[in-house]
Structure formats: C-alpha cells, structure tokens
C-alpha cells in the first residue's frame, strides 16, 4: 500500500513508475468535471469515476483484488478507508469474481487500520490487500466524488 496527495511536490517519491505515470496524467485532468463511468487511459489501464455516499463500517464489505492494483483518488468530500496489512483469510471471502477482479467479505479483517481521505489524496492498494472504502467520517454520511484507476499488476 502507498499513500500520498497530488498536492505534495514530492508525492511520487518511492512510487512505482507506472503509478507515477498514472498520477501525472490525473494531475492534467479537471477532476471535478469528470463524468461518472469508465474512462480508458491506455489499452491496459482504465479508471472508474463515481459519486458514492459513505456509510457505517458495518454496512460495507471489504474488497481485495487479485490481478489489478487499485489507485483510489478522492476528488470531493471526506471518507475513511479501512485497510488490512495482514495476509487475508480468503476462506472468509465470497467466491472470487474473475471477470471484474474482486473478492469481498462482510467479515472483519485482521490488523485493520483506517486512513482519512481528503480531496487530492490517493491510496494505492496492491493485490490481496483488503480495503473497505466509503466509510463515514465521525459517523456522518457524506456524498463523495472519487475515482479508482485499475492498473494490471503485470505492469509493475
């Protein structure tokens, strides 16, 4: 997992080149005016722009991916993202959806931590890193605008 903010001058320090390239491209966009939906960035990399609402942690499912890296960038609002640093117990997860590359669980996951996301902050989740986005901040529901860039792990 990596975190950063596009507003920091040194945000790219320590990031893999493909993630730096993605972030550099995102910095050229008018993020607030992006329309919801899928946007292809290259033949292999795409992003989904969405406007979800946050919810209580217990109402959300944790997810992980096998073949793609998630680059989650918050455009508007604030959210908590819960994440785990321990190897996930896949027996607690629903069957893997290979077509959309995700596996979810309603169960709690080990070594859970939380990151508070504000606009222009990003977090990069590598395969098998469980994460639960769109969780309320201070118990308050918020409308978000965010994007998730999907990068095939083979490009690392």
C-alpha atoms as a PDB file:
ATOM      1  CA  UNK A   1       0.000   0.000   0.000  1.00  0.00           C
ATOM      2  CA  UNK A   2       1.134   3.517  -0.804  1.00  0.00           C
ATOM      3  CA  UNK A   3      -0.491   6.825   0.104  1.00  0.00           C
ATOM      4  CA  UNK A   4       0.038  10.403  -0.966  1.00  0.00           C
ATOM      5  CA  UNK A   5      -1.506  13.619  -2.151  1.00  0.00           C
ATOM      6  CA  UNK A   6      -1.289  15.086  -5.633  1.00  0.00           C
ATOM      7  CA  UNK A   7      -0.812  18.489  -3.971  1.00  0.00           C
ATOM      8  CA  UNK A   8       2.508  17.453  -2.391  1.00  0.00           C
ATOM      9  CA  UNK A   9       5.547  18.316  -4.503  1.00  0.00           C
ATOM     10  CA  UNK A  10       7.252  15.013  -3.612  1.00  0.00           C
ATOM     11  CA  UNK A  11       4.200  12.730  -3.894  1.00  0.00           C
ATOM     12  CA  UNK A  12       5.969  10.470  -6.429  1.00  0.00           C
ATOM     13  CA  UNK A  13       8.902   9.584  -4.163  1.00  0.00           C
ATOM     14  CA  UNK A  14       9.070   5.812  -3.754  1.00  0.00           C
ATOM     15  CA  UNK A  15       6.161   5.012  -6.095  1.00  0.00           C
ATOM     16  CA  UNK A  16       6.496   2.528  -8.960  1.00  0.00           C
ATOM     17  CA  UNK A  17       6.897   4.270 -12.335  1.00  0.00           C
ATOM     18  CA  UNK A  18       3.517   3.117 -13.655  1.00  0.00           C
ATOM     19  CA  UNK A  19       1.770   4.677 -10.616  1.00  0.00           C
ATOM     20  CA  UNK A  20       3.750   7.909 -11.060  1.00  0.00           C
ATOM     21  CA  UNK A  21       2.664   7.978 -14.720  1.00  0.00           C
ATOM     22  CA  UNK A  22      -0.980   7.499 -13.690  1.00  0.00           C
ATOM     23  CA  UNK A  23      -0.747  10.288 -11.110  1.00  0.00           C
ATOM     24  CA  UNK A  24       0.947  12.626 -13.577  1.00  0.00           C
ATOM     25  CA  UNK A  25      -1.914  12.016 -16.003  1.00  0.00           C
ATOM     26  CA  UNK A  26      -4.511  12.634 -13.289  1.00  0.00           C
ATOM     27  CA  UNK A  27      -2.857  15.971 -12.487  1.00  0.00           C
ATOM     28  CA  UNK A  28      -3.560  17.119 -16.072  1.00  0.00           C
ATOM     29  CA  UNK A  29      -7.307  16.492 -15.764  1.00  0.00           C
ATOM     30  CA  UNK A  30     -10.077  18.723 -14.467  1.00  0.00           C
ATOM     31  CA  UNK A  31     -11.058  16.127 -11.890  1.00  0.00           C
ATOM     32  CA  UNK A  32     -14.200  17.941 -10.702  1.00  0.00           C
ATOM     33  CA  UNK A  33     -15.698  17.905 -14.199  1.00  0.00           C
ATOM     34  CA  UNK A  34     -15.074  14.217 -14.941  1.00  0.00           C
ATOM     35  CA  UNK A  35     -18.264  12.356 -15.732  1.00  0.00           C
ATOM     36  CA  UNK A  36     -19.125   9.218 -13.808  1.00  0.00           C
ATOM     37  CA  UNK A  37     -18.331   5.961 -15.535  1.00  0.00           C
ATOM     38  CA  UNK A  38     -15.412   4.169 -17.112  1.00  0.00           C
ATOM     39  CA  UNK A  39     -12.628   6.093 -18.814  1.00  0.00           C
ATOM     40  CA  UNK A  40      -9.862   4.220 -20.648  1.00  0.00           C
ATOM     41  CA  UNK A  41      -6.438   5.756 -20.038  1.00  0.00           C
ATOM     42  CA  UNK A  42      -4.405   3.262 -22.086  1.00  0.00           C
ATOM     43  CA  UNK A  43      -5.077  -0.119 -23.661  1.00  0.00           C
ATOM     44  CA  UNK A  44      -4.457  -1.725 -20.236  1.00  0.00           C
ATOM     45  CA  UNK A  45      -5.293   0.964 -17.669  1.00  0.00           C
ATOM     46  CA  UNK A  46      -8.719   2.439 -17.005  1.00  0.00           C
ATOM     47  CA  UNK A  47     -10.491   4.432 -14.327  1.00  0.00           C
ATOM     48  CA  UNK A  48     -13.968   4.425 -12.887  1.00  0.00           C
ATOM     49  CA  UNK A  49     -15.334   7.783 -11.738  1.00  0.00           C
ATOM     50  CA  UNK A  50     -18.147   7.520  -9.192  1.00  0.00           C
ATOM     51  CA  UNK A  51     -20.255   9.527  -6.746  1.00  0.00           C
ATOM     52  CA  UNK A  52     -20.985   7.199  -3.811  1.00  0.00           C
ATOM     53  CA  UNK A  53     -22.184   8.034  -0.309  1.00  0.00           C
ATOM     54  CA  UNK A  54     -20.295   6.978   2.751  1.00  0.00           C
ATOM     55  CA  UNK A  55     -21.860   4.599   5.246  1.00  0.00           C
ATOM     56  CA  UNK A  56     -21.221   2.919   8.551  1.00  0.00           C
ATOM     57  CA  UNK A  57     -18.332   0.464   8.505  1.00  0.00           C
ATOM     58  CA  UNK A  58     -20.601  -2.460   9.390  1.00  0.00           C
ATOM     59  CA  UNK A  59     -22.756  -1.727   6.317  1.00  0.00           C
ATOM     60  CA  UNK A  60     -19.783  -2.063   3.951  1.00  0.00           C
ATOM     61  CA  UNK A  61     -17.921  -5.073   2.627  1.00  0.00           C
ATOM     62  CA  UNK A  62     -14.163  -5.262   2.410  1.00  0.00           C
ATOM     63  CA  UNK A  63     -12.730  -5.997  -1.012  1.00  0.00           C
ATOM     64  CA  UNK A  64      -9.482  -7.158  -2.495  1.00  0.00           C
ATOM     65  CA  UNK A  65      -8.196  -7.776  -5.977  1.00  0.00           C
ATOM     66  CA  UNK A  66      -6.017 -10.473  -7.495  1.00  0.00           C
ATOM     67  CA  UNK A  67      -4.823  -9.085 -10.840  1.00  0.00           C
ATOM     68  CA  UNK A  68      -5.202  -5.304 -10.576  1.00  0.00           C
ATOM     69  CA  UNK A  69      -3.770  -2.540  -8.453  1.00  0.00           C
ATOM     70  CA  UNK A  70      -6.333  -0.014  -7.187  1.00  0.00           C
ATOM     71  CA  UNK A  71      -5.359   3.660  -7.200  1.00  0.00           C
ATOM     72  CA  UNK A  72      -8.167   5.395  -5.299  1.00  0.00           C
ATOM     73  CA  UNK A  73      -8.211   9.200  -5.538  1.00  0.00           C
ATOM     74  CA  UNK A  74     -10.706  11.336  -3.664  1.00  0.00           C
ATOM     75  CA  UNK A  75     -11.994  14.322  -5.636  1.00  0.00           C
ATOM     76  CA  UNK A  76     -14.712  15.741  -3.323  1.00  0.00           C
ATOM     77  CA  UNK A  77     -15.778  15.040   0.262  1.00  0.00           C
ATOM     78  CA  UNK A  78     -14.063  13.105   3.030  1.00  0.00           C
ATOM     79  CA  UNK A  79     -14.067   9.380   3.666  1.00  0.00           C
ATOM     80  CA  UNK A  80     -12.399   6.806   5.800  1.00  0.00           C
ATOM     81  CA  UNK A  81     -10.896   3.805   4.102  1.00  0.00           C
ATOM     82  CA  UNK A  82     -10.284   0.829   6.334  1.00  0.00           C
ATOM     83  CA  UNK A  83      -7.493  -1.492   5.263  1.00  0.00           C
ATOM     84  CA  UNK A  84      -5.652  -4.534   6.483  1.00  0.00           C
ATOM     85  CA  UNK A  85      -1.961  -5.245   6.497  1.00  0.00           C
ATOM     86  CA  UNK A  86      -2.101  -8.956   7.316  1.00  0.00           C
ATOM     87  CA  UNK A  87      -2.483 -11.658   4.683  1.00  0.00           C
ATOM     88  CA  UNK A  88      -6.228 -12.110   4.230  1.00  0.00           C
ATOM     89  CA  UNK A  89      -8.056 -15.281   5.220  1.00  0.00           C
ATOM     90  CA  UNK A  90      -9.682 -15.962   1.856  1.00  0.00           C
ATOM     91  CA  UNK A  91     -11.936 -18.607   3.407  1.00  0.00           C
ATOM     92  CA  UNK A  92     -13.858 -15.663   4.942  1.00  0.00           C
ATOM     93  CA  UNK A  93     -14.407 -14.103   1.497  1.00  0.00           C
ATOM     94  CA  UNK A  94     -17.108 -14.721  -1.080  1.00  0.00           C
ATOM     95  CA  UNK A  95     -16.019 -16.534  -4.257  1.00  0.00           C
ATOM     96  CA  UNK A  96     -13.616 -14.601  -6.478  1.00  0.00           C
ATOM     97  CA  UNK A  97     -15.228 -12.734  -9.396  1.00  0.00           C
ATOM     98  CA  UNK A  98     -12.565 -13.200 -12.079  1.00  0.00           C
ATOM     99  CA  UNK A  99     -14.358 -11.106 -14.719  1.00  0.00           C
ATOM    100  CA  UNK A 100     -14.310  -7.974 -12.538  1.00  0.00           C
ATOM    101  CA  UNK A 101     -11.291  -8.969 -10.399  1.00  0.00           C
ATOM    102  CA  UNK A 102     -12.703  -8.665  -6.918  1.00  0.00           C
ATOM    103  CA  UNK A 103     -13.424 -10.700  -3.851  1.00  0.00           C
ATOM    104  CA  UNK A 104     -15.491  -9.321  -0.951  1.00  0.00           C
ATOM    105  CA  UNK A 105     -16.285 -10.175   2.635  1.00  0.00           C
ATOM    106  CA  UNK A 106     -18.688  -8.877   5.243  1.00  0.00           C
ATOM    107  CA  UNK A 107     -16.371 -10.240   7.932  1.00  0.00           C
ATOM    108  CA  UNK A 108     -13.927  -8.059   9.762  1.00  0.00           C
ATOM    109  CA  UNK A 109     -10.334  -8.456   8.656  1.00  0.00           C
ATOM    110  CA  UNK A 110      -7.141  -8.753  10.679  1.00  0.00           C
ATOM    111  CA  UNK A 111      -4.937  -5.808  11.627  1.00  0.00           C
ATOM    112  CA  UNK A 112      -7.486  -3.248  10.447  1.00  0.00           C
ATOM    113  CA  UNK A 113      -6.336   0.358  10.178  1.00  0.00           C
ATOM    114  CA  UNK A 114      -8.052   3.492   8.896  1.00  0.00           C
ATOM    115  CA  UNK A 115      -6.885   6.310   6.669  1.00  0.00           C
ATOM    116  CA  UNK A 116      -8.787   9.605   6.489  1.00  0.00           C
ATOM    117  CA  UNK A 117      -9.045  10.694   2.876  1.00  0.00           C
ATOM    118  CA  UNK A 118      -9.403  14.311   1.772  1.00  0.00           C
ATOM    119  CA  UNK A 119      -9.554  15.750  -1.766  1.00  0.00           C
ATOM    120  CA  UNK A 120      -6.470  15.051  -3.913  1.00  0.00           C
ATOM    121  CA  UNK A 121      -5.293  12.282  -1.595  1.00  0.00           C
ATOM    122  CA  UNK A 122      -4.697   8.879  -3.116  1.00  0.00           C
ATOM    123  CA  UNK A 123      -4.092   5.405  -1.816  1.00  0.00           C
ATOM    124  CA  UNK A 124      -2.667   2.515  -3.821  1.00  0.00           C
ATOM    125  CA  UNK A 125      -3.780  -0.989  -2.888  1.00  0.00           C
ATOM    126  CA  UNK A 126      -1.759  -3.893  -4.238  1.00  0.00           C
ATOM    127  CA  UNK A 127      -3.315  -7.301  -4.924  1.00  0.00           C
ATOM    128  CA  UNK A 128      -4.573  -9.163  -1.846  1.00  0.00           C
ATOM    129  CA  UNK A 129      -4.584  -6.011   0.298  1.00  0.00           C
ATOM    130  CA  UNK A 130      -8.090  -5.862   1.822  1.00  0.00           C
ATOM    131  CA  UNK A 131      -9.727  -2.457   1.892  1.00  0.00           C
ATOM    132  CA  UNK A 132     -13.124  -1.033   2.738  1.00  0.00           C
ATOM    133  CA  UNK A 133     -13.695   2.380   1.091  1.00  0.00           C
ATOM    134  CA  UNK A 134     -16.522   4.889   1.597  1.00  0.00           C
ATOM    135  CA  UNK A 135     -16.748   4.630   5.377  1.00  0.00           C
ATOM    136  CA  UNK A 136     -18.263   7.527   7.349  1.00  0.00           C
ATOM    137  CA  UNK A 137     -16.025  10.118   8.990  1.00  0.00           C
ATOM    138  CA  UNK A 138     -17.138  10.995  12.543  1.00  0.00           C
ATOM    139  CA  UNK A 139     -20.329   8.990  11.995  1.00  0.00           C
ATOM    140  CA  UNK A 140     -21.586  11.387   9.304  1.00  0.00           C
ATOM    141  CA  UNK A 141     -22.820  10.337   5.867  1.00  0.00           C
ATOM    142  CA  UNK A 142     -21.131  12.299   3.077  1.00  0.00           C
ATOM    143  CA  UNK A 143     -21.537  12.467  -0.685  1.00  0.00           C
ATOM    144  CA  UNK A 144     -18.240  11.773  -2.451  1.00  0.00           C
ATOM    145  CA  UNK A 145     -16.749  12.105  -5.864  1.00  0.00           C
ATOM    146  CA  UNK A 146     -13.823   9.791  -6.407  1.00  0.00           C
ATOM    147  CA  UNK A 147     -12.076   7.725  -8.991  1.00  0.00           C
ATOM    148  CA  UNK A 148     -10.426   4.354  -8.980  1.00  0.00           C
ATOM    149  CA  UNK A 149      -7.724   3.645 -11.519  1.00  0.00           C
ATOM    150  CA  UNK A 150      -7.214  -0.030 -12.318  1.00  0.00           C
ATOM    151  CA  UNK A 151      -3.627  -0.951 -13.211  1.00  0.00           C
ATOM    152  CA  UNK A 152      -2.771  -4.543 -14.155  1.00  0.00           C
ATOM    153  CA  UNK A 153      -0.185  -5.911 -11.725  1.00  0.00           C
ATOM    154  CA  UNK A 154       1.808  -7.168 -14.726  1.00  0.00           C
ATOM    155  CA  UNK A 155       2.759  -3.518 -15.433  1.00  0.00           C
ATOM    156  CA  UNK A 156       4.721  -3.172 -12.187  1.00  0.00           C
END
